[in-house]
Amino acid sequence: MRVPVIAVDGPAGSGKSSVCRGVAARLGLRYLDTGAMYRAMTWAMLEAGVDPDDPQSVAAHAPGVSVTSGTDPAAPTIHVDGIDVAGPIRGEAVTGAVSAVSAVPAVRDLLVRVQREEVMAATATGAGIVVEGRDITTVVLPDADLKVFITADPGVRALRRAAEDAGRGSAAGDVARTHTSILERDAKDTSRAASPLSLAHDAVLVDTTDMTLDEVIDHVCDLADALPG
């Protein structure tokens, strides 16, 4: 039986998390949200009083932080040194600092190593995995069986992200402010020196602007089903 490794990249608010969880659940695969890992590392920096805009301090503190992710698509988890941070990492403080922390090469090197270990663990036990992030197709898993780049119009992404934030009870449900934040995040993610967000030459581009979540999940599952056996 094939145990596929599916790598998915995309900008903030593109819907990739919902899509990847849906695909993993439908195909019986594990799921890894690498964006949550960078948020968890950012939370750890803020809790320790490390300035996220000081790359040297971030790099020095990162090796002492243990980030662990659960890979069940029905109930993914994220912990820092044994502390459940699934809620705190979605707060405004982490959101505002995550781009700076994730741009530090030492942080990326550390977490990429952990991410690859999760993939190896999944395939070693006969389970495939869906991994999502911003450098999965280009850096983390360049040899993945299927590479997908999910995107959408920035205005649509802002509406989706604002709805998610409002659903979590966050005050950040303002669409205009979310739109500005998304554009700023796009600029930082695509221009950073370490593993910038970019479209891999062999990735399938999926624009979800006019698609429902179920339609996108169907499409990615069809791509996976079409992989050579």
N, C-alpha and C. Protein backbone atom coordinates (compact mmCIF):
# COMPACT_ATOMS: atom_id res chain seq x y z
N MET A 1 0.85 -1.19 0.00
CA MET A 1 0.00 0.00 0.00
C MET A 1 0.89 1.25 0.00
N ARG A 2 0.51 2.23 -0.82
CA ARG A 2 1.29 3.44 -0.94
C ARG A 2 1.15 4.30 0.33
N VAL A 3 2.24 4.87 0.79
CA VAL A 3 2.21 5.79 1.93
C VAL A 3 2.71 7.14 1.44
N PRO A 4 1.83 7.94 0.87
CA PRO A 4 2.26 9.19 0.25
C PRO A 4 2.68 10.25 1.25
N VAL A 5 3.61 11.08 0.80
CA VAL A 5 4.00 12.29 1.53
C VAL A 5 3.53 13.46 0.68
N ILE A 6 2.62 14.23 1.24
CA ILE A 6 2.03 15.36 0.51
C ILE A 6 2.49 16.66 1.17
N ALA A 7 3.15 17.50 0.39
CA ALA A 7 3.67 18.78 0.88
C ALA A 7 2.81 19.91 0.35
N VAL A 8 2.40 20.81 1.26
CA VAL A 8 1.51 21.90 0.87
C VAL A 8 2.05 23.22 1.41
N ASP A 9 2.22 24.19 0.53
CA ASP A 9 2.62 25.54 0.92
C ASP A 9 1.51 26.51 0.56
N GLY A 10 1.61 27.71 1.12
CA GLY A 10 0.65 28.75 0.78
C GLY A 10 0.73 29.90 1.75
N PRO A 11 0.24 31.06 1.37
CA PRO A 11 0.29 32.24 2.22
C PRO A 11 -0.77 32.21 3.31
N ALA A 12 -0.69 33.15 4.22
CA ALA A 12 -1.62 33.25 5.34
C ALA A 12 -3.05 33.41 4.84
N GLY A 13 -3.96 32.68 5.46
CA GLY A 13 -5.37 32.82 5.12
C GLY A 13 -5.81 32.13 3.86
N SER A 14 -4.93 31.34 3.25
CA SER A 14 -5.29 30.68 1.99
C SER A 14 -6.20 29.48 2.21
N GLY A 15 -6.33 29.04 3.46
CA GLY A 15 -7.17 27.90 3.76
C GLY A 15 -6.42 26.58 3.80
N LYS A 16 -5.10 26.64 3.75
CA LYS A 16 -4.34 25.40 3.63
C LYS A 16 -4.48 24.49 4.85
N SER A 17 -4.63 25.07 6.04
CA SER A 17 -4.77 24.24 7.23
C SER A 17 -6.04 23.39 7.16
N SER A 18 -7.15 24.02 6.85
CA SER A 18 -8.43 23.30 6.75
C SER A 18 -8.37 22.26 5.63
N VAL A 19 -7.75 22.65 4.52
CA VAL A 19 -7.63 21.72 3.39
C VAL A 19 -6.77 20.53 3.78
N CYS A 20 -5.63 20.79 4.38
CA CYS A 20 -4.70 19.70 4.71
C CYS A 20 -5.30 18.75 5.74
N ARG A 21 -5.99 19.29 6.72
CA ARG A 21 -6.63 18.42 7.71
C ARG A 21 -7.70 17.57 7.04
N GLY A 22 -8.46 18.18 6.14
CA GLY A 22 -9.50 17.44 5.45
C GLY A 22 -8.95 16.35 4.56
N VAL A 23 -7.87 16.66 3.85
CA VAL A 23 -7.24 15.67 2.97
C VAL A 23 -6.67 14.52 3.80
N ALA A 24 -5.97 14.85 4.88
CA ALA A 24 -5.38 13.83 5.73
C ALA A 24 -6.44 12.92 6.32
N ALA A 25 -7.54 13.50 6.78
CA ALA A 25 -8.62 12.70 7.37
C ALA A 25 -9.24 11.78 6.34
N ARG A 26 -9.47 12.31 5.15
CA ARG A 26 -10.14 11.52 4.11
C ARG A 26 -9.25 10.38 3.61
N LEU A 27 -7.95 10.63 3.51
CA LEU A 27 -7.04 9.61 2.97
C LEU A 27 -6.41 8.74 4.05
N GLY A 28 -6.74 9.02 5.31
CA GLY A 28 -6.18 8.22 6.40
C GLY A 28 -4.71 8.48 6.64
N LEU A 29 -4.29 9.73 6.48
CA LEU A 29 -2.89 10.11 6.65
C LEU A 29 -2.70 10.93 7.92
N ARG A 30 -1.47 11.05 8.36
CA ARG A 30 -1.15 11.95 9.45
C ARG A 30 -1.10 13.39 8.92
N TYR A 31 -1.04 14.34 9.84
CA TYR A 31 -1.08 15.76 9.46
C TYR A 31 -0.11 16.53 10.35
N LEU A 32 0.69 17.39 9.72
CA LEU A 32 1.64 18.21 10.48
C LEU A 32 1.52 19.66 10.05
N ASP A 33 1.21 20.52 11.02
CA ASP A 33 1.09 21.96 10.80
C ASP A 33 2.39 22.63 11.24
N THR A 34 3.27 22.90 10.28
CA THR A 34 4.56 23.48 10.64
C THR A 34 4.43 24.95 11.05
N GLY A 35 3.39 25.61 10.56
CA GLY A 35 3.17 26.99 10.97
C GLY A 35 2.93 27.09 12.47
N ALA A 36 2.21 26.10 13.01
CA ALA A 36 1.97 26.08 14.45
C ALA A 36 3.28 25.91 15.21
N MET A 37 4.22 25.19 14.62
CA MET A 37 5.51 24.99 15.27
C MET A 37 6.28 26.31 15.38
N TYR A 38 6.24 27.12 14.32
CA TYR A 38 6.91 28.42 14.38
C TYR A 38 6.19 29.36 15.34
N ARG A 39 4.88 29.26 15.40
CA ARG A 39 4.13 30.06 16.36
C ARG A 39 4.48 29.64 17.79
N ALA A 40 4.63 28.31 17.98
CA ALA A 40 4.99 27.82 19.31
C ALA A 40 6.37 28.32 19.73
N MET A 41 7.31 28.32 18.80
CA MET A 41 8.64 28.84 19.10
C MET A 41 8.56 30.33 19.43
N THR A 42 7.72 31.05 18.70
CA THR A 42 7.54 32.48 18.97
C THR A 42 6.95 32.70 20.35
N TRP A 43 5.97 31.90 20.71
CA TRP A 43 5.36 31.99 22.05
C TRP A 43 6.43 31.78 23.11
N ALA A 44 7.30 30.80 22.89
CA ALA A 44 8.36 30.51 23.86
C ALA A 44 9.30 31.71 24.02
N MET A 45 9.60 32.38 22.91
CA MET A 45 10.47 33.55 22.97
C MET A 45 9.82 34.66 23.79
N LEU A 46 8.55 34.91 23.54
CA LEU A 46 7.84 35.97 24.25
C LEU A 46 7.74 35.65 25.74
N GLU A 47 7.46 34.38 26.05
CA GLU A 47 7.35 33.97 27.45
C GLU A 47 8.69 34.13 28.18
N ALA A 48 9.78 33.93 27.46
CA ALA A 48 11.11 34.01 28.07
C ALA A 48 11.65 35.44 28.08
N GLY A 49 10.89 36.37 27.50
CA GLY A 49 11.33 37.75 27.47
C GLY A 49 12.38 38.03 26.41
N VAL A 50 12.47 37.13 25.41
CA VAL A 50 13.43 37.32 24.33
C VAL A 50 12.82 38.25 23.28
N ASP A 51 13.56 39.24 22.86
CA ASP A 51 13.08 40.19 21.84
C ASP A 51 13.02 39.47 20.50
N PRO A 52 11.82 39.29 19.91
CA PRO A 52 11.70 38.57 18.63
C PRO A 52 12.41 39.27 17.48
N ASP A 53 12.71 40.55 17.64
CA ASP A 53 13.40 41.30 16.60
C ASP A 53 14.92 41.29 16.78
N ASP A 54 15.39 40.51 17.75
CA ASP A 54 16.83 40.36 17.98
C ASP A 54 17.22 38.94 17.55
N PRO A 55 17.63 38.76 16.29
CA PRO A 55 17.88 37.40 15.78
C PRO A 55 18.96 36.64 16.55
N GLN A 56 19.94 37.33 17.07
CA GLN A 56 21.00 36.65 17.82
C GLN A 56 20.45 36.06 19.12
N SER A 57 19.62 36.83 19.81
CA SER A 57 19.03 36.34 21.05
C SER A 57 18.07 35.19 20.79
N VAL A 58 17.29 35.31 19.71
CA VAL A 58 16.37 34.23 19.33
C VAL A 58 17.14 32.96 19.02
N ALA A 59 18.20 33.10 18.24
CA ALA A 59 19.01 31.94 17.85
C ALA A 59 19.65 31.28 19.08
N ALA A 60 20.05 32.07 20.05
CA ALA A 60 20.69 31.53 21.25
C ALA A 60 19.69 30.79 22.12
N HIS A 61 18.45 31.25 22.15
CA HIS A 61 17.44 30.65 23.03
C HIS A 61 16.75 29.43 22.40
N ALA A 62 16.68 29.39 21.08
CA ALA A 62 15.91 28.35 20.39
C ALA A 62 16.29 26.92 20.74
N PRO A 63 17.59 26.56 20.83
CA PRO A 63 17.93 25.17 21.10
C PRO A 63 17.40 24.62 22.42
N GLY A 64 17.06 25.49 23.35
CA GLY A 64 16.54 25.04 24.63
C GLY A 64 15.04 24.87 24.66
N VAL A 65 14.38 25.10 23.53
CA VAL A 65 12.92 25.01 23.45
C VAL A 65 12.52 23.70 22.79
N SER A 66 11.64 22.95 23.42
CA SER A 66 11.15 21.69 22.86
C SER A 66 9.73 21.89 22.33
N VAL A 67 9.58 21.79 21.01
CA VAL A 67 8.27 21.92 20.37
C VAL A 67 7.83 20.55 19.86
N THR A 68 6.67 20.10 20.29
CA THR A 68 6.15 18.80 19.85
C THR A 68 4.75 18.96 19.28
N SER A 69 4.49 18.26 18.18
CA SER A 69 3.21 18.36 17.50
C SER A 69 2.53 17.00 17.42
N GLY A 70 1.24 16.98 17.73
CA GLY A 70 0.44 15.79 17.50
C GLY A 70 0.03 15.75 16.04
N THR A 71 -0.05 14.58 15.43
CA THR A 71 -0.28 14.49 13.99
C THR A 71 -1.61 13.85 13.63
N ASP A 72 -2.55 13.84 14.56
CA ASP A 72 -3.90 13.35 14.27
C ASP A 72 -4.68 14.49 13.63
N PRO A 73 -5.12 14.35 12.36
CA PRO A 73 -5.81 15.46 11.71
C PRO A 73 -7.13 15.84 12.39
N ALA A 74 -7.72 14.90 13.13
CA ALA A 74 -8.97 15.20 13.83
C ALA A 74 -8.74 16.02 15.08
N ALA A 75 -7.54 15.95 15.63
CA ALA A 75 -7.25 16.67 16.87
C ALA A 75 -5.76 16.97 16.97
N PRO A 76 -5.23 17.81 16.09
CA PRO A 76 -3.81 18.15 16.15
C PRO A 76 -3.48 18.92 17.42
N THR A 77 -2.31 18.67 17.96
CA THR A 77 -1.90 19.34 19.19
C THR A 77 -0.54 20.00 19.00
N ILE A 78 -0.23 20.93 19.88
CA ILE A 78 1.06 21.59 19.84
C ILE A 78 1.46 21.96 21.28
N HIS A 79 2.66 21.53 21.67
CA HIS A 79 3.15 21.77 23.03
C HIS A 79 4.54 22.39 23.00
N VAL A 80 4.82 23.21 23.99
CA VAL A 80 6.16 23.75 24.22
C VAL A 80 6.61 23.31 25.60
N ASP A 81 7.66 22.51 25.64
CA ASP A 81 8.16 22.00 26.92
C ASP A 81 7.04 21.38 27.75
N GLY A 82 6.16 20.65 27.07
CA GLY A 82 5.07 19.96 27.74
C GLY A 82 3.83 20.80 28.01
N ILE A 83 3.85 22.08 27.66
CA ILE A 83 2.71 22.97 27.90
C ILE A 83 1.86 23.07 26.64
N ASP A 84 0.56 22.87 26.78
CA ASP A 84 -0.35 23.00 25.65
C ASP A 84 -0.48 24.48 25.27
N VAL A 85 -0.05 24.81 24.05
CA VAL A 85 -0.07 26.22 23.63
C VAL A 85 -0.97 26.44 22.41
N ALA A 86 -1.87 25.49 22.14
CA ALA A 86 -2.73 25.59 20.96
C ALA A 86 -3.54 26.88 20.94
N GLY A 87 -3.99 27.34 22.10
CA GLY A 87 -4.75 28.58 22.17
C GLY A 87 -3.85 29.81 22.14
N PRO A 88 -2.87 29.89 23.02
CA PRO A 88 -2.02 31.08 23.08
C PRO A 88 -1.29 31.42 21.79
N ILE A 89 -0.93 30.43 20.98
CA ILE A 89 -0.16 30.74 19.78
C ILE A 89 -0.99 31.45 18.72
N ARG A 90 -2.31 31.52 18.91
CA ARG A 90 -3.17 32.21 17.95
C ARG A 90 -3.46 33.64 18.37
N GLY A 91 -2.88 34.07 19.47
CA GLY A 91 -3.10 35.43 19.95
C GLY A 91 -2.37 36.47 19.12
N GLU A 92 -2.74 37.73 19.33
CA GLU A 92 -2.18 38.82 18.53
C GLU A 92 -0.69 39.00 18.77
N ALA A 93 -0.23 38.76 19.99
CA ALA A 93 1.20 38.96 20.27
C ALA A 93 2.05 38.01 19.44
N VAL A 94 1.65 36.74 19.40
CA VAL A 94 2.40 35.76 18.61
C VAL A 94 2.27 36.07 17.12
N THR A 95 1.06 36.40 16.68
CA THR A 95 0.84 36.71 15.27
C THR A 95 1.72 37.86 14.81
N GLY A 96 1.90 38.84 15.67
CA GLY A 96 2.70 40.00 15.31
C GLY A 96 4.19 39.73 15.30
N ALA A 97 4.62 38.67 15.99
CA ALA A 97 6.06 38.42 16.12
C ALA A 97 6.55 37.21 15.34
N VAL A 98 5.65 36.37 14.84
CA VAL A 98 6.06 35.10 14.26
C VAL A 98 6.91 35.25 13.01
N SER A 99 6.66 36.26 12.21
CA SER A 99 7.46 36.45 10.99
C SER A 99 8.92 36.70 11.34
N ALA A 100 9.15 37.50 12.37
CA ALA A 100 10.53 37.81 12.77
C ALA A 100 11.25 36.58 13.30
N VAL A 101 10.57 35.81 14.15
CA VAL A 101 11.19 34.62 14.72
C VAL A 101 11.43 33.56 13.66
N SER A 102 10.46 33.36 12.78
CA SER A 102 10.59 32.31 11.77
C SER A 102 11.61 32.66 10.69
N ALA A 103 12.05 33.91 10.64
CA ALA A 103 13.05 34.31 9.66
C ALA A 103 14.48 34.03 10.14
N VAL A 104 14.63 33.64 11.39
CA VAL A 104 15.96 33.38 11.95
C VAL A 104 16.44 32.01 11.46
N PRO A 105 17.55 31.94 10.74
CA PRO A 105 18.02 30.67 10.18
C PRO A 105 18.17 29.55 11.21
N ALA A 106 18.64 29.87 12.41
CA ALA A 106 18.83 28.85 13.43
C ALA A 106 17.50 28.22 13.84
N VAL A 107 16.46 29.02 13.89
CA VAL A 107 15.13 28.51 14.21
C VAL A 107 14.63 27.59 13.11
N ARG A 108 14.82 28.02 11.87
CA ARG A 108 14.36 27.21 10.75
C ARG A 108 15.14 25.89 10.68
N ASP A 109 16.44 25.94 10.89
CA ASP A 109 17.24 24.72 10.86
C ASP A 109 16.76 23.73 11.92
N LEU A 110 16.50 24.23 13.12
CA LEU A 110 16.07 23.38 14.21
C LEU A 110 14.72 22.74 13.91
N LEU A 111 13.74 23.55 13.48
CA LEU A 111 12.40 23.03 13.28
C LEU A 111 12.29 22.19 12.01
N VAL A 112 13.06 22.51 10.98
CA VAL A 112 13.05 21.66 9.79
C VAL A 112 13.54 20.26 10.14
N ARG A 113 14.52 20.17 11.01
CA ARG A 113 15.01 18.86 11.44
C ARG A 113 13.90 18.08 12.15
N VAL A 114 13.16 18.76 13.02
CA VAL A 114 12.06 18.11 13.73
C VAL A 114 10.97 17.68 12.75
N GLN A 115 10.68 18.54 11.79
CA GLN A 115 9.64 18.24 10.80
C GLN A 115 10.00 17.01 9.97
N ARG A 116 11.24 16.94 9.55
CA ARG A 116 11.66 15.77 8.76
C ARG A 116 11.62 14.50 9.60
N GLU A 117 11.92 14.61 10.88
CA GLU A 117 11.84 13.44 11.76
C GLU A 117 10.40 12.96 11.88
N GLU A 118 9.44 13.88 11.92
CA GLU A 118 8.03 13.50 11.99
C GLU A 118 7.61 12.76 10.71
N VAL A 119 8.09 13.22 9.58
CA VAL A 119 7.76 12.58 8.31
C VAL A 119 8.36 11.18 8.26
N MET A 120 9.61 11.05 8.67
CA MET A 120 10.25 9.74 8.68
C MET A 120 9.54 8.78 9.61
N ALA A 121 9.09 9.29 10.76
CA ALA A 121 8.38 8.44 11.71
C ALA A 121 7.06 7.96 11.12
N ALA A 122 6.38 8.84 10.39
CA ALA A 122 5.10 8.47 9.79
C ALA A 122 5.28 7.41 8.72
N THR A 123 6.24 7.61 7.84
CA THR A 123 6.44 6.66 6.74
C THR A 123 7.01 5.34 7.24
N ALA A 124 7.81 5.40 8.30
CA ALA A 124 8.41 4.18 8.84
C ALA A 124 7.37 3.24 9.42
N THR A 125 6.26 3.80 9.88
CA THR A 125 5.20 2.98 10.47
C THR A 125 4.09 2.67 9.47
N GLY A 126 4.34 3.00 8.20
CA GLY A 126 3.37 2.68 7.16
C GLY A 126 2.25 3.69 7.01
N ALA A 127 2.43 4.86 7.59
CA ALA A 127 1.41 5.92 7.49
C ALA A 127 1.95 7.06 6.64
N GLY A 128 1.17 7.52 5.70
CA GLY A 128 1.56 8.70 4.93
C GLY A 128 1.28 9.95 5.76
N ILE A 129 1.63 11.09 5.22
CA ILE A 129 1.45 12.34 5.98
C ILE A 129 1.24 13.51 5.05
N VAL A 130 0.44 14.48 5.51
CA VAL A 130 0.25 15.75 4.83
C VAL A 130 0.94 16.81 5.68
N VAL A 131 1.88 17.53 5.09
CA VAL A 131 2.64 18.54 5.82
C VAL A 131 2.39 19.90 5.19
N GLU A 132 2.00 20.86 6.02
CA GLU A 132 1.72 22.19 5.48
C GLU A 132 2.60 23.25 6.09
N GLY A 133 2.88 24.30 5.30
CA GLY A 133 3.69 25.39 5.80
C GLY A 133 3.97 26.41 4.71
N ARG A 134 5.19 26.95 4.72
CA ARG A 134 5.57 27.96 3.75
C ARG A 134 6.86 27.61 3.00
N ASP A 135 7.53 26.55 3.43
CA ASP A 135 8.74 26.13 2.72
C ASP A 135 8.80 24.61 2.61
N ILE A 136 7.65 23.97 2.64
CA ILE A 136 7.62 22.51 2.66
C ILE A 136 7.99 21.94 1.29
N THR A 137 7.43 22.50 0.23
CA THR A 137 7.70 21.98 -1.11
C THR A 137 9.09 22.35 -1.61
N THR A 138 9.64 23.43 -1.07
CA THR A 138 10.91 23.93 -1.59
C THR A 138 12.11 23.54 -0.75
N VAL A 139 11.94 23.39 0.57
CA VAL A 139 13.06 23.16 1.47
C VAL A 139 12.90 21.88 2.30
N VAL A 140 11.79 21.77 3.01
CA VAL A 140 11.63 20.67 3.96
C VAL A 140 11.50 19.33 3.26
N LEU A 141 10.62 19.27 2.25
CA LEU A 141 10.34 18.01 1.56
C LEU A 141 10.38 18.19 0.04
N PRO A 142 11.53 18.53 -0.51
CA PRO A 142 11.60 18.76 -1.96
C PRO A 142 11.33 17.51 -2.79
N ASP A 143 11.40 16.33 -2.17
CA ASP A 143 11.14 15.08 -2.88
C ASP A 143 9.78 14.47 -2.53
N ALA A 144 8.87 15.29 -2.01
CA ALA A 144 7.54 14.79 -1.65
C ALA A 144 6.85 14.19 -2.86
N ASP A 145 5.97 13.24 -2.61
CA ASP A 145 5.25 12.59 -3.71
C ASP A 145 4.33 13.56 -4.43
N LEU A 146 3.73 14.46 -3.68
CA LEU A 146 2.83 15.46 -4.26
C LEU A 146 3.12 16.80 -3.61
N LYS A 147 3.28 17.83 -4.44
CA LYS A 147 3.50 19.19 -3.95
C LYS A 147 2.37 20.08 -4.43
N VAL A 148 1.80 20.82 -3.51
CA VAL A 148 0.67 21.69 -3.82
C VAL A 148 0.93 23.07 -3.23
N PHE A 149 0.62 24.10 -3.98
CA PHE A 149 0.71 25.48 -3.50
C PHE A 149 -0.71 26.05 -3.52
N ILE A 150 -1.26 26.30 -2.33
CA ILE A 150 -2.63 26.79 -2.21
C ILE A 150 -2.61 28.30 -1.99
N THR A 151 -3.39 29.01 -2.79
CA THR A 151 -3.44 30.46 -2.64
C THR A 151 -4.87 30.94 -2.86
N ALA A 152 -5.07 32.24 -2.72
CA ALA A 152 -6.37 32.87 -2.96
C ALA A 152 -6.16 34.37 -3.01
N ASP A 153 -7.13 35.07 -3.52
CA ASP A 153 -7.07 36.52 -3.56
C ASP A 153 -6.90 37.07 -2.14
N PRO A 154 -6.04 38.07 -1.94
CA PRO A 154 -5.80 38.60 -0.58
C PRO A 154 -7.08 39.05 0.13
N GLY A 155 -8.02 39.63 -0.62
CA GLY A 155 -9.27 40.05 0.00
C GLY A 155 -10.06 38.88 0.55
N VAL A 156 -10.09 37.80 -0.20
CA VAL A 156 -10.78 36.59 0.25
C VAL A 156 -10.05 35.98 1.44
N ARG A 157 -8.74 35.99 1.39
CA ARG A 157 -7.97 35.45 2.51
C ARG A 157 -8.22 36.25 3.78
N ALA A 158 -8.36 37.57 3.64
CA ALA A 158 -8.63 38.41 4.80
C ALA A 158 -9.99 38.08 5.41
N LEU A 159 -10.98 37.86 4.56
CA LEU A 159 -12.31 37.49 5.06
C LEU A 159 -12.26 36.16 5.81
N ARG A 160 -11.54 35.20 5.26
CA ARG A 160 -11.44 33.89 5.91
C ARG A 160 -10.72 33.98 7.24
N ARG A 161 -9.60 34.69 7.27
CA ARG A 161 -8.83 34.78 8.50
C ARG A 161 -9.59 35.56 9.57
N ALA A 162 -10.27 36.63 9.18
CA ALA A 162 -11.06 37.40 10.15
C ALA A 162 -12.17 36.55 10.73
N ALA A 163 -12.79 35.72 9.90
CA ALA A 163 -13.85 34.83 10.39
C ALA A 163 -13.29 33.80 11.36
N GLU A 164 -12.09 33.28 11.06
CA GLU A 164 -11.45 32.32 11.97
C GLU A 164 -11.16 32.99 13.31
N ASP A 165 -10.61 34.19 13.27
CA ASP A 165 -10.27 34.90 14.49
C ASP A 165 -11.52 35.18 15.33
N ALA A 166 -12.59 35.60 14.65
CA ALA A 166 -13.84 35.88 15.36
C ALA A 166 -14.39 34.60 15.98
N GLY A 167 -14.23 33.49 15.26
CA GLY A 167 -14.71 32.21 15.76
C GLY A 167 -13.97 31.75 17.00
N ARG A 168 -12.72 32.19 17.15
CA ARG A 168 -11.94 31.84 18.33
C ARG A 168 -12.19 32.81 19.49
N GLY A 169 -13.07 33.79 19.24
CA GLY A 169 -13.33 34.77 20.28
C GLY A 169 -12.31 35.87 20.32
N SER A 170 -11.50 35.97 19.26
CA SER A 170 -10.47 37.00 19.22
C SER A 170 -11.07 38.33 18.81
N ALA A 171 -10.44 39.41 19.26
CA ALA A 171 -10.89 40.75 18.87
C ALA A 171 -10.41 41.12 17.48
N ALA A 172 -9.63 40.22 16.87
CA ALA A 172 -9.01 40.53 15.59
C ALA A 172 -9.90 40.16 14.41
N GLY A 173 -11.21 40.35 14.56
CA GLY A 173 -12.12 39.98 13.48
C GLY A 173 -12.36 41.10 12.49
N ASP A 174 -11.61 42.19 12.58
CA ASP A 174 -11.75 43.33 11.68
C ASP A 174 -11.14 42.98 10.33
N VAL A 175 -11.96 42.99 9.26
CA VAL A 175 -11.49 42.54 7.95
C VAL A 175 -10.43 43.46 7.37
N ALA A 176 -10.63 44.77 7.49
CA ALA A 176 -9.67 45.71 6.93
C ALA A 176 -8.30 45.57 7.59
N ARG A 177 -8.32 45.45 8.92
CA ARG A 177 -7.05 45.29 9.63
C ARG A 177 -6.41 43.95 9.29
N THR A 178 -7.23 42.92 9.16
CA THR A 178 -6.71 41.60 8.81
C THR A 178 -6.11 41.62 7.41
N HIS A 179 -6.75 42.35 6.48
CA HIS A 179 -6.24 42.45 5.11
C HIS A 179 -4.85 43.09 5.11
N THR A 180 -4.70 44.15 5.87
CA THR A 180 -3.40 44.82 5.96
C THR A 180 -2.36 43.89 6.56
N SER A 181 -2.76 43.17 7.61
CA SER A 181 -1.84 42.24 8.27
C SER A 181 -1.39 41.13 7.32
N ILE A 182 -2.32 40.64 6.51
CA ILE A 182 -2.00 39.57 5.56
C ILE A 182 -1.01 40.05 4.51
N LEU A 183 -1.22 41.25 4.00
CA LEU A 183 -0.30 41.78 3.00
C LEU A 183 1.09 41.98 3.58
N GLU A 184 1.14 42.43 4.83
CA GLU A 184 2.44 42.61 5.50
C GLU A 184 3.12 41.25 5.70
N ARG A 185 2.32 40.25 6.09
CA ARG A 185 2.88 38.91 6.30
C ARG A 185 3.37 38.34 4.97
N ASP A 186 2.63 38.53 3.90
CA ASP A 186 3.05 38.07 2.58
C ASP A 186 4.41 38.65 2.21
N ALA A 187 4.55 39.96 2.43
CA ALA A 187 5.80 40.64 2.07
C ALA A 187 6.98 40.08 2.86
N LYS A 188 6.77 39.85 4.15
CA LYS A 188 7.85 39.32 4.99
C LYS A 188 8.19 37.87 4.60
N ASP A 189 7.15 37.06 4.36
CA ASP A 189 7.38 35.65 4.07
C ASP A 189 8.07 35.43 2.73
N THR A 190 7.77 36.27 1.75
CA THR A 190 8.34 36.08 0.42
C THR A 190 9.70 36.75 0.25
N SER A 191 10.05 37.65 1.17
CA SER A 191 11.31 38.38 1.01
C SER A 191 12.39 37.98 1.99
N ARG A 192 12.08 37.12 2.97
CA ARG A 192 13.09 36.76 3.96
C ARG A 192 14.21 35.96 3.29
N ALA A 193 15.40 36.06 3.86
CA ALA A 193 16.55 35.38 3.29
C ALA A 193 16.50 33.87 3.51
N ALA A 194 15.97 33.45 4.66
CA ALA A 194 15.93 32.03 5.00
C ALA A 194 14.62 31.41 4.55
N SER A 195 14.69 30.52 3.57
CA SER A 195 13.53 29.74 3.11
C SER A 195 12.29 30.59 2.84
N PRO A 196 12.36 31.52 1.90
CA PRO A 196 11.18 32.34 1.61
C PRO A 196 10.04 31.53 1.00
N LEU A 197 8.83 32.03 1.18
CA LEU A 197 7.66 31.41 0.56
C LEU A 197 7.74 31.61 -0.95
N SER A 198 7.71 30.51 -1.69
CA SER A 198 7.76 30.60 -3.15
C SER A 198 7.11 29.37 -3.76
N LEU A 199 6.75 29.48 -5.02
CA LEU A 199 6.11 28.39 -5.74
C LEU A 199 7.18 27.46 -6.31
N ALA A 200 7.21 26.22 -5.83
CA ALA A 200 8.15 25.24 -6.38
C ALA A 200 7.81 24.97 -7.84
N HIS A 201 8.84 24.70 -8.64
CA HIS A 201 8.63 24.55 -10.08
C HIS A 201 7.73 23.35 -10.41
N ASP A 202 7.69 22.36 -9.52
CA ASP A 202 6.89 21.17 -9.80
C ASP A 202 5.67 21.05 -8.88
N ALA A 203 5.30 22.16 -8.24
CA ALA A 203 4.10 22.14 -7.40
C ALA A 203 2.86 22.45 -8.23
N VAL A 204 1.74 21.88 -7.81
CA VAL A 204 0.46 22.17 -8.46
C VAL A 204 -0.14 23.40 -7.80
N LEU A 205 -0.38 24.44 -8.59
CA LEU A 205 -0.96 25.67 -8.06
C LEU A 205 -2.48 25.53 -7.98
N VAL A 206 -3.03 25.76 -6.80
CA VAL A 206 -4.48 25.67 -6.60
C VAL A 206 -4.98 27.00 -6.05
N ASP A 207 -5.71 27.74 -6.87
CA ASP A 207 -6.29 29.02 -6.45
C ASP A 207 -7.69 28.75 -5.90
N THR A 208 -7.86 28.98 -4.61
CA THR A 208 -9.12 28.63 -3.94
C THR A 208 -10.10 29.79 -3.84
N THR A 209 -9.81 30.90 -4.53
CA THR A 209 -10.63 32.10 -4.41
C THR A 209 -12.11 31.80 -4.62
N ASP A 210 -12.43 31.03 -5.65
CA ASP A 210 -13.82 30.76 -6.00
C ASP A 210 -14.22 29.31 -5.72
N MET A 211 -13.50 28.67 -4.82
CA MET A 211 -13.78 27.27 -4.49
C MET A 211 -14.23 27.13 -3.04
N THR A 212 -15.10 26.17 -2.80
CA THR A 212 -15.48 25.87 -1.42
C THR A 212 -14.40 24.97 -0.81
N LEU A 213 -14.44 24.84 0.50
CA LEU A 213 -13.46 23.98 1.17
C LEU A 213 -13.57 22.55 0.66
N ASP A 214 -14.78 22.04 0.54
CA ASP A 214 -14.96 20.66 0.07
C ASP A 214 -14.43 20.48 -1.35
N GLU A 215 -14.59 21.49 -2.19
CA GLU A 215 -14.09 21.40 -3.56
C GLU A 215 -12.57 21.32 -3.59
N VAL A 216 -11.94 22.08 -2.72
CA VAL A 216 -10.47 22.06 -2.68
C VAL A 216 -9.98 20.72 -2.15
N ILE A 217 -10.63 20.23 -1.10
CA ILE A 217 -10.24 18.92 -0.56
C ILE A 217 -10.41 17.84 -1.62
N ASP A 218 -11.53 17.89 -2.33
CA ASP A 218 -11.76 16.91 -3.41
C ASP A 218 -10.64 16.97 -4.45
N HIS A 219 -10.25 18.18 -4.81
CA HIS A 219 -9.25 18.37 -5.86
C HIS A 219 -7.89 17.81 -5.42
N VAL A 220 -7.48 18.12 -4.20
CA VAL A 220 -6.19 17.64 -3.72
C VAL A 220 -6.22 16.12 -3.56
N CYS A 221 -7.34 15.59 -3.09
CA CYS A 221 -7.45 14.13 -2.98
C CYS A 221 -7.38 13.48 -4.35
N ASP A 222 -7.97 14.10 -5.35
CA ASP A 222 -7.88 13.56 -6.72
C ASP A 222 -6.44 13.56 -7.20
N LEU A 223 -5.70 14.62 -6.87
CA LEU A 223 -4.28 14.67 -7.25
C LEU A 223 -3.51 13.55 -6.56
N ALA A 224 -3.82 13.29 -5.30
CA ALA A 224 -3.14 12.22 -4.57
C ALA A 224 -3.51 10.86 -5.14
N ASP A 225 -4.78 10.69 -5.49
CA ASP A 225 -5.23 9.40 -6.04
C ASP A 225 -4.58 9.12 -7.40
N ALA A 226 -4.19 10.19 -8.11
CA ALA A 226 -3.59 10.04 -9.43
C ALA A 226 -2.09 9.75 -9.38
N LEU A 227 -1.51 9.76 -8.18
CA LEU A 227 -0.09 9.46 -8.06
C LEU A 227 0.19 8.03 -8.56
N PRO A 228 1.31 7.83 -9.21
CA PRO A 228 1.64 6.47 -9.67
C PRO A 228 1.77 5.52 -8.48
N GLY A 229 1.22 4.32 -8.63
CA GLY A 229 1.20 3.37 -7.53
C GLY A 229 2.50 2.67 -7.31
